[in-house]
Amino acid sequence: MILPNRLLILSVFLCQSAVFFSSSLNAKEMPKESASSEAQSSVHAAVAYKQPNRVVVLNSKIVRAVYDNNLIQADKDPTTGSLYVVPLTKETTGMFVVTESGQTHSITLSPKERLTAQTVTLKESGTFSSFNAPVGSSDLSGLPYEERIQTALKLIPQLRDSEGEALGGTLAGVYLHAQPVRAWNVLGLRLERYRILNRTKHKQTVREPEFWRNGVLAVATETSDLAPGASADLWLVRSAR
């Protein structure tokens, strides 16, 4: 199975407001690194373009972020203290996050179009790692919904048809029709694969909201546009039955 080149992920968890965050209207207003007693870590991360990438600090919470809101959209998850960062352009840009301990972390983000959403993990010691846990890890089922969704979508290339179940019914959008393929239960979630087809004579934009149904937690598509007669994978994420 081919990993979708571009997953456009919509999640209900991004609706919470960023109460404690402030943004800079100009990147030049970002604080400069200084040799203060509170060591400032700096990381470089390749992140998905126009997708919600999660920034998390181990054993701490993010209380403030400074960034250029012309290049980045950022939303706070008040439950976990993490930050959701959506790059609005393909330009490499930087941002700063301040944790509960008062430490400042500098992050350089390099948006990539052909990349699934990433989780950028910071440590107060200044080290950096990316979330990439193996399939079947006993810890994954306990992760927050939003992280499980991202992880489950990354596991798509490892799904086997023989391990899935037949999927019935059809999904009809305004111009696109989705034929069911198979479904899998992964990390306490249900991944449903459909094949969408453009039956019109014109190029059509894949509008994810058209395929939202009751119980759908996220929608992911292989491409944003379909030429006449072209088809692509559509994935719906639900809670496991």
C-alpha atoms as a PDB file:
ATOM      1  CA  MET A   1       0.000   0.000   0.000  1.00  0.00           C
ATOM      2  CA  ILE A   2       1.319   3.439  -0.909  1.00  0.00           C
ATOM      3  CA  LEU A   3       1.690   6.063   1.783  1.00  0.00           C
ATOM      4  CA  PRO A   4      -0.474   9.057   0.865  1.00  0.00           C
ATOM      5  CA  ASN A   5       1.745  11.814  -0.460  1.00  0.00           C
ATOM      6  CA  ARG A   6      -0.172  14.468   1.356  1.00  0.00           C
ATOM      7  CA  LEU A   7      -2.439  13.990   4.324  1.00  0.00           C
ATOM      8  CA  LEU A   8      -4.704  16.893   5.131  1.00  0.00           C
ATOM      9  CA  ILE A   9      -5.708  16.189   8.672  1.00  0.00           C
ATOM     10  CA  LEU A  10      -8.686  17.820  10.346  1.00  0.00           C
ATOM     11  CA  SER A  11      -9.145  17.109  14.035  1.00  0.00           C
ATOM     12  CA  VAL A  12     -11.742  18.181  16.550  1.00  0.00           C
ATOM     13  CA  PHE A  13      -8.948  18.764  19.026  1.00  0.00           C
ATOM     14  CA  LEU A  14      -7.793  21.890  17.190  1.00  0.00           C
ATOM     15  CA  CYS A  15     -10.930  23.811  18.111  1.00  0.00           C
ATOM     16  CA  GLN A  16      -9.687  24.802  21.562  1.00  0.00           C
ATOM     17  CA  SER A  17      -8.470  28.373  21.849  1.00  0.00           C
ATOM     18  CA  ALA A  18      -4.894  29.365  22.571  1.00  0.00           C
ATOM     19  CA  VAL A  19      -5.521  31.173  25.853  1.00  0.00           C
ATOM     20  CA  PHE A  20      -1.994  31.606  27.117  1.00  0.00           C
ATOM     21  CA  PHE A  21      -0.240  32.234  23.822  1.00  0.00           C
ATOM     22  CA  SER A  22       0.883  35.458  22.229  1.00  0.00           C
ATOM     23  CA  SER A  23       2.091  35.804  18.664  1.00  0.00           C
ATOM     24  CA  SER A  24       4.412  38.227  16.975  1.00  0.00           C
ATOM     25  CA  LEU A  25       3.235  40.077  13.886  1.00  0.00           C
ATOM     26  CA  ASN A  26       6.786  40.404  12.668  1.00  0.00           C
ATOM     27  CA  ALA A  27       9.493  37.763  12.850  1.00  0.00           C
ATOM     28  CA  LYS A  28      12.013  40.474  13.748  1.00  0.00           C
ATOM     29  CA  GLU A  29      10.262  40.917  17.078  1.00  0.00           C
ATOM     30  CA  MET A  30      11.160  37.408  18.194  1.00  0.00           C
ATOM     31  CA  PRO A  31      13.518  37.345  21.189  1.00  0.00           C
ATOM     32  CA  LYS A  32      17.160  36.733  20.362  1.00  0.00           C
ATOM     33  CA  GLU A  33      19.136  33.915  21.920  1.00  0.00           C
ATOM     34  CA  SER A  34      21.146  35.021  24.915  1.00  0.00           C
ATOM     35  CA  ALA A  35      23.763  33.463  27.151  1.00  0.00           C
ATOM     36  CA  SER A  36      21.565  33.599  30.251  1.00  0.00           C
ATOM     37  CA  SER A  37      21.656  31.231  33.183  1.00  0.00           C
ATOM     38  CA  GLU A  38      18.546  29.559  31.794  1.00  0.00           C
ATOM     39  CA  ALA A  39      20.075  27.585  28.930  1.00  0.00           C
ATOM     40  CA  GLN A  40      18.140  27.927  25.680  1.00  0.00           C
ATOM     41  CA  SER A  41      17.915  24.846  23.477  1.00  0.00           C
ATOM     42  CA  SER A  42      17.663  25.048  19.709  1.00  0.00           C
ATOM     43  CA  VAL A  43      16.259  22.335  17.446  1.00  0.00           C
ATOM     44  CA  HIS A  44      15.645  21.934  13.725  1.00  0.00           C
ATOM     45  CA  ALA A  45      12.571  19.977  12.667  1.00  0.00           C
ATOM     46  CA  ALA A  46      11.091  18.979   9.336  1.00  0.00           C
ATOM     47  CA  VAL A  47       7.333  19.394   9.713  1.00  0.00           C
ATOM     48  CA  ALA A  48       4.325  18.831   7.499  1.00  0.00           C
ATOM     49  CA  TYR A  49       3.074  21.762   5.439  1.00  0.00           C
ATOM     50  CA  LYS A  50      -0.502  22.868   6.254  1.00  0.00           C
ATOM     51  CA  GLN A  51      -0.912  20.078   8.792  1.00  0.00           C
ATOM     52  CA  PRO A  52      -1.153  20.204  12.596  1.00  0.00           C
ATOM     53  CA  ASN A  53       2.284  19.311  13.946  1.00  0.00           C
ATOM     54  CA  ARG A  54       2.492  18.858  17.709  1.00  0.00           C
ATOM     55  CA  VAL A  55       5.210  20.458  19.831  1.00  0.00           C
ATOM     56  CA  VAL A  56       5.531  18.931  23.287  1.00  0.00           C
ATOM     57  CA  VAL A  57       7.988  19.353  26.161  1.00  0.00           C
ATOM     58  CA  LEU A  58       8.669  16.239  28.207  1.00  0.00           C
ATOM     59  CA  ASN A  59       7.825  16.585  31.903  1.00  0.00           C
ATOM     60  CA  SER A  60       6.689  20.187  31.408  1.00  0.00           C
ATOM     61  CA  LYS A  61       4.126  22.372  29.677  1.00  0.00           C
ATOM     62  CA  ILE A  62       4.370  25.199  27.191  1.00  0.00           C
ATOM     63  CA  VAL A  63       3.017  28.425  28.653  1.00  0.00           C
ATOM     64  CA  ARG A  64       3.936  30.927  25.930  1.00  0.00           C
ATOM     65  CA  ALA A  65       4.908  30.938  22.268  1.00  0.00           C
ATOM     66  CA  VAL A  66       6.371  33.669  20.077  1.00  0.00           C
ATOM     67  CA  TYR A  67       6.137  33.314  16.308  1.00  0.00           C
ATOM     68  CA  ASP A  68       5.292  35.078  13.052  1.00  0.00           C
ATOM     69  CA  ASN A  69       1.569  34.553  12.576  1.00  0.00           C
ATOM     70  CA  ASN A  70       1.915  35.234   8.853  1.00  0.00           C
ATOM     71  CA  LEU A  71       3.938  32.023   8.557  1.00  0.00           C
ATOM     72  CA  ILE A  72       2.623  29.879  11.406  1.00  0.00           C
ATOM     73  CA  GLN A  73      -0.739  29.139  13.007  1.00  0.00           C
ATOM     74  CA  ALA A  74      -0.392  27.881  16.578  1.00  0.00           C
ATOM     75  CA  ASP A  75      -3.036  26.527  18.958  1.00  0.00           C
ATOM     76  CA  LYS A  76      -2.610  25.318  22.506  1.00  0.00           C
ATOM     77  CA  ASP A  77      -3.897  22.063  23.940  1.00  0.00           C
ATOM     78  CA  PRO A  78      -4.737  23.172  27.503  1.00  0.00           C
ATOM     79  CA  THR A  79      -5.045  19.569  28.697  1.00  0.00           C
ATOM     80  CA  THR A  80      -1.525  18.430  27.826  1.00  0.00           C
ATOM     81  CA  GLY A  81       0.240  21.802  27.607  1.00  0.00           C
ATOM     82  CA  SER A  82       1.408  21.000  24.091  1.00  0.00           C
ATOM     83  CA  LEU A  83       1.240  23.250  21.039  1.00  0.00           C
ATOM     84  CA  TYR A  84      -0.184  22.545  17.592  1.00  0.00           C
ATOM     85  CA  VAL A  85       1.775  24.278  14.850  1.00  0.00           C
ATOM     86  CA  VAL A  86       0.480  24.560  11.293  1.00  0.00           C
ATOM     87  CA  PRO A  87       3.010  26.006   8.777  1.00  0.00           C
ATOM     88  CA  LEU A  88       1.127  28.322   6.419  1.00  0.00           C
ATOM     89  CA  THR A  89       3.955  28.570   3.878  1.00  0.00           C
ATOM     90  CA  LYS A  90       6.817  26.384   2.700  1.00  0.00           C
ATOM     91  CA  GLU A  91       9.383  28.851   4.016  1.00  0.00           C
ATOM     92  CA  THR A  92      11.755  27.812   6.769  1.00  0.00           C
ATOM     93  CA  THR A  93      10.938  29.880   9.827  1.00  0.00           C
ATOM     94  CA  GLY A  94      11.594  29.952  13.549  1.00  0.00           C
ATOM     95  CA  MET A  95       9.603  30.189  16.730  1.00  0.00           C
ATOM     96  CA  PHE A  96      10.210  30.248  20.467  1.00  0.00           C
ATOM     97  CA  VAL A  97       8.360  28.445  23.247  1.00  0.00           C
ATOM     98  CA  VAL A  98       8.627  29.110  26.973  1.00  0.00           C
ATOM     99  CA  THR A  99       7.952  26.309  29.468  1.00  0.00           C
ATOM    100  CA  GLU A 100       6.652  26.333  33.037  1.00  0.00           C
ATOM    101  CA  SER A 101      10.215  26.245  34.338  1.00  0.00           C
ATOM    102  CA  GLY A 102      10.994  29.472  32.485  1.00  0.00           C
ATOM    103  CA  GLN A 103      13.301  27.877  29.934  1.00  0.00           C
ATOM    104  CA  THR A 104      13.094  29.066  26.326  1.00  0.00           C
ATOM    105  CA  HIS A 105      13.379  26.696  23.379  1.00  0.00           C
ATOM    106  CA  SER A 106      14.177  27.905  19.866  1.00  0.00           C
ATOM    107  CA  ILE A 107      12.696  25.821  17.035  1.00  0.00           C
ATOM    108  CA  THR A 108      13.526  26.077  13.333  1.00  0.00           C
ATOM    109  CA  LEU A 109      10.711  24.617  11.236  1.00  0.00           C
ATOM    110  CA  SER A 110      11.213  23.411   7.665  1.00  0.00           C
ATOM    111  CA  PRO A 111       7.779  22.716   6.135  1.00  0.00           C
ATOM    112  CA  LYS A 112       7.672  19.784   3.729  1.00  0.00           C
ATOM    113  CA  GLU A 113       4.673  19.069   1.508  1.00  0.00           C
ATOM    114  CA  ARG A 114       5.302  15.332   1.177  1.00  0.00           C
ATOM    115  CA  LEU A 115       5.433  14.637   4.893  1.00  0.00           C
ATOM    116  CA  THR A 116       2.867  13.465   7.406  1.00  0.00           C
ATOM    117  CA  ALA A 117       2.267  15.477  10.547  1.00  0.00           C
ATOM    118  CA  GLN A 118       5.099  15.255  13.059  1.00  0.00           C
ATOM    119  CA  THR A 119       5.418  15.407  16.833  1.00  0.00           C
ATOM    120  CA  VAL A 120       8.395  17.532  17.847  1.00  0.00           C
ATOM    121  CA  THR A 121       9.507  16.533  21.332  1.00  0.00           C
ATOM    122  CA  LEU A 122      11.606  18.917  23.416  1.00  0.00           C
ATOM    123  CA  LYS A 123      13.439  18.161  26.627  1.00  0.00           C
ATOM    124  CA  GLU A 124      14.401  20.662  29.275  1.00  0.00           C
ATOM    125  CA  SER A 125      17.964  19.399  28.984  1.00  0.00           C
ATOM    126  CA  GLY A 126      18.009  20.740  25.429  1.00  0.00           C
ATOM    127  CA  THR A 127      17.961  17.437  23.552  1.00  0.00           C
ATOM    128  CA  PHE A 128      15.524  16.723  20.765  1.00  0.00           C
ATOM    129  CA  SER A 129      13.700  13.705  19.427  1.00  0.00           C
ATOM    130  CA  SER A 130      10.850  12.917  17.041  1.00  0.00           C
ATOM    131  CA  PHE A 131       7.982  10.593  17.917  1.00  0.00           C
ATOM    132  CA  ASN A 132       8.411   7.367  15.980  1.00  0.00           C
ATOM    133  CA  ALA A 133       7.171   4.486  18.121  1.00  0.00           C
ATOM    134  CA  PRO A 134       6.922   0.949  16.666  1.00  0.00           C
ATOM    135  CA  VAL A 135       3.684  -0.852  15.889  1.00  0.00           C
ATOM    136  CA  GLY A 136       2.291  -2.789  18.801  1.00  0.00           C
ATOM    137  CA  SER A 137       3.890  -0.692  21.532  1.00  0.00           C
ATOM    138  CA  SER A 138       1.848  -1.167  24.691  1.00  0.00           C
ATOM    139  CA  ASP A 139       2.211   2.544  25.486  1.00  0.00           C
ATOM    140  CA  LEU A 140       0.571   3.814  22.291  1.00  0.00           C
ATOM    141  CA  SER A 141      -3.023   2.954  23.215  1.00  0.00           C
ATOM    142  CA  GLY A 142      -2.735   5.303  26.188  1.00  0.00           C
ATOM    143  CA  LEU A 143      -1.728   8.319  24.130  1.00  0.00           C
ATOM    144  CA  PRO A 144      -4.106  11.272  23.719  1.00  0.00           C
ATOM    145  CA  TYR A 145      -6.549  10.965  20.814  1.00  0.00           C
ATOM    146  CA  GLU A 146      -4.803  13.602  18.706  1.00  0.00           C
ATOM    147  CA  GLU A 147      -1.440  11.828  18.948  1.00  0.00           C
ATOM    148  CA  ARG A 148      -2.969   8.421  18.337  1.00  0.00           C
ATOM    149  CA  ILE A 149      -4.616   9.762  15.173  1.00  0.00           C
ATOM    150  CA  GLN A 150      -1.321  11.065  13.835  1.00  0.00           C
ATOM    151  CA  THR A 151       0.462   7.837  14.752  1.00  0.00           C
ATOM    152  CA  ALA A 152      -2.227   5.619  13.226  1.00  0.00           C
ATOM    153  CA  LEU A 153      -2.023   7.501   9.932  1.00  0.00           C
ATOM    154  CA  LYS A 154       1.754   7.005   9.870  1.00  0.00           C
ATOM    155  CA  LEU A 155       1.178   3.252  10.186  1.00  0.00           C
ATOM    156  CA  ILE A 156      -0.842   3.067   6.952  1.00  0.00           C
ATOM    157  CA  PRO A 157       2.044   1.577   4.898  1.00  0.00           C
ATOM    158  CA  GLN A 158       2.236  -1.330   7.355  1.00  0.00           C
ATOM    159  CA  LEU A 159      -1.444  -2.279   7.142  1.00  0.00           C
ATOM    160  CA  ARG A 160      -2.183  -5.584   5.431  1.00  0.00           C
ATOM    161  CA  ASP A 161      -5.389  -6.284   3.542  1.00  0.00           C
ATOM    162  CA  SER A 162      -5.545  -9.744   5.116  1.00  0.00           C
ATOM    163  CA  GLU A 163      -5.728  -8.159   8.583  1.00  0.00           C
ATOM    164  CA  GLY A 164      -8.502  -5.731   7.670  1.00  0.00           C
ATOM    165  CA  GLU A 165     -12.227  -6.302   7.346  1.00  0.00           C
ATOM    166  CA  ALA A 166     -14.575  -5.704   4.463  1.00  0.00           C
ATOM    167  CA  LEU A 167     -16.115  -2.251   4.467  1.00  0.00           C
ATOM    168  CA  GLY A 168     -19.627  -1.670   3.194  1.00  0.00           C
ATOM    169  CA  GLY A 169     -21.604   1.379   2.150  1.00  0.00           C
ATOM    170  CA  THR A 170     -20.540   4.361   0.059  1.00  0.00           C
ATOM    171  CA  LEU A 171     -19.738   7.982   0.734  1.00  0.00           C
ATOM    172  CA  ALA A 172     -21.006  10.552  -1.715  1.00  0.00           C
ATOM    173  CA  GLY A 173     -19.637  14.060  -1.874  1.00  0.00           C
ATOM    174  CA  VAL A 174     -20.894  16.849  -4.121  1.00  0.00           C
ATOM    175  CA  TYR A 175     -18.674  15.883  -7.069  1.00  0.00           C
ATOM    176  CA  LEU A 176     -16.724  12.894  -5.750  1.00  0.00           C
ATOM    177  CA  HIS A 177     -17.845   9.429  -4.814  1.00  0.00           C
ATOM    178  CA  ALA A 178     -15.972   7.204  -2.380  1.00  0.00           C
ATOM    179  CA  GLN A 179     -16.040   3.435  -2.760  1.00  0.00           C
ATOM    180  CA  PRO A 180     -15.302   1.417   0.420  1.00  0.00           C
ATOM    181  CA  VAL A 181     -12.171  -0.721   0.519  1.00  0.00           C
ATOM    182  CA  ARG A 182     -11.289  -2.082   3.967  1.00  0.00           C
ATOM    183  CA  ALA A 183     -11.130  -1.130   7.659  1.00  0.00           C
ATOM    184  CA  TRP A 184      -8.568  -1.766  10.400  1.00  0.00           C
ATOM    185  CA  ASN A 185      -8.548  -1.322  14.181  1.00  0.00           C
ATOM    186  CA  VAL A 186      -5.320   0.434  15.200  1.00  0.00           C
ATOM    187  CA  LEU A 187      -4.411   1.919  18.601  1.00  0.00           C
ATOM    188  CA  GLY A 188      -8.023   1.918  19.732  1.00  0.00           C
ATOM    189  CA  LEU A 189      -9.061   3.688  16.532  1.00  0.00           C
ATOM    190  CA  ARG A 190     -10.818   2.486  13.399  1.00  0.00           C
ATOM    191  CA  LEU A 191      -9.139   3.354  10.086  1.00  0.00           C
ATOM    192  CA  GLU A 192     -11.496   3.160   7.103  1.00  0.00           C
ATOM    193  CA  ARG A 193     -10.062   3.267   3.594  1.00  0.00           C
ATOM    194  CA  TYR A 194     -12.123   4.497   0.667  1.00  0.00           C
ATOM    195  CA  ARG A 195     -11.222   5.120  -2.959  1.00  0.00           C
ATOM    196  CA  ILE A 196     -12.530   8.440  -4.249  1.00  0.00           C
ATOM    197  CA  LEU A 197     -13.126   8.961  -7.967  1.00  0.00           C
ATOM    198  CA  ASN A 198     -13.668  12.123  -9.978  1.00  0.00           C
ATOM    199  CA  ARG A 199     -16.424  11.258 -12.449  1.00  0.00           C
ATOM    200  CA  THR A 200     -16.742  14.772 -13.818  1.00  0.00           C
ATOM    201  CA  LYS A 201     -15.003  16.359 -16.815  1.00  0.00           C
ATOM    202  CA  HIS A 202     -13.250  18.973 -14.697  1.00  0.00           C
ATOM    203  CA  LYS A 203     -10.562  18.957 -12.033  1.00  0.00           C
ATOM    204  CA  GLN A 204     -12.101  18.774  -8.596  1.00  0.00           C
ATOM    205  CA  THR A 205     -10.752  19.845  -5.224  1.00  0.00           C
ATOM    206  CA  VAL A 206     -11.051  17.236  -2.498  1.00  0.00           C
ATOM    207  CA  ARG A 207     -13.067  18.914   0.243  1.00  0.00           C
ATOM    208  CA  GLU A 208     -12.622  16.895   3.406  1.00  0.00           C
ATOM    209  CA  PRO A 209     -15.673  18.387   5.215  1.00  0.00           C
ATOM    210  CA  GLU A 210     -17.914  16.723   2.608  1.00  0.00           C
ATOM    211  CA  PHE A 211     -16.915  13.347   4.009  1.00  0.00           C
ATOM    212  CA  TRP A 212     -17.383  14.095   7.699  1.00  0.00           C
ATOM    213  CA  ARG A 213     -20.012  11.886   9.289  1.00  0.00           C
ATOM    214  CA  ASN A 214     -21.173  11.230  12.840  1.00  0.00           C
ATOM    215  CA  GLY A 215     -18.379   9.604  14.814  1.00  0.00           C
ATOM    216  CA  VAL A 216     -15.593  10.717  12.459  1.00  0.00           C
ATOM    217  CA  LEU A 217     -12.570  12.029  14.363  1.00  0.00           C
ATOM    218  CA  ALA A 218     -10.379  12.925  11.389  1.00  0.00           C
ATOM    219  CA  VAL A 219     -10.302  12.878   7.593  1.00  0.00           C
ATOM    220  CA  ALA A 220      -7.133  12.304   5.569  1.00  0.00           C
ATOM    221  CA  THR A 221      -6.698  12.458   1.803  1.00  0.00           C
ATOM    222  CA  GLU A 222      -3.943  11.339  -0.535  1.00  0.00           C
ATOM    223  CA  THR A 223      -4.161  14.452  -2.672  1.00  0.00           C
ATOM    224  CA  SER A 224      -5.863  17.837  -2.645  1.00  0.00           C
ATOM    225  CA  ASP A 225      -7.015  17.815  -6.293  1.00  0.00           C
ATOM    226  CA  LEU A 226      -8.244  15.157  -8.699  1.00  0.00           C
ATOM    227  CA  ALA A 227      -8.090  15.362 -12.487  1.00  0.00           C
ATOM    228  CA  PRO A 228     -11.056  14.028 -14.513  1.00  0.00           C
ATOM    229  CA  GLY A 229     -11.192  10.245 -14.145  1.00  0.00           C
ATOM    230  CA  ALA A 230      -8.483  10.207 -11.465  1.00  0.00           C
ATOM    231  CA  SER A 231      -8.820   8.446  -8.122  1.00  0.00           C
ATOM    232  CA  ALA A 232      -7.100   8.593  -4.728  1.00  0.00           C
ATOM    233  CA  ASP A 233      -7.283   7.148  -1.236  1.00  0.00           C
ATOM    234  CA  LEU A 234      -9.526   8.698   1.406  1.00  0.00           C
ATOM    235  CA  TRP A 235      -9.160   7.703   5.064  1.00  0.00           C
ATOM    236  CA  LEU A 236     -11.687   8.216   7.838  1.00  0.00           C
ATOM    237  CA  VAL A 237     -10.653   7.835  11.474  1.00  0.00           C
ATOM    238  CA  ARG A 238     -13.264   6.807  14.027  1.00  0.00           C
ATOM    239  CA  SER A 239     -13.259   5.400  17.529  1.00  0.00           C
ATOM    240  CA  ALA A 240     -12.873   1.617  17.493  1.00  0.00           C
ATOM    241  CA  ARG A 241     -16.183  -0.213  17.729  1.00  0.00           C
END
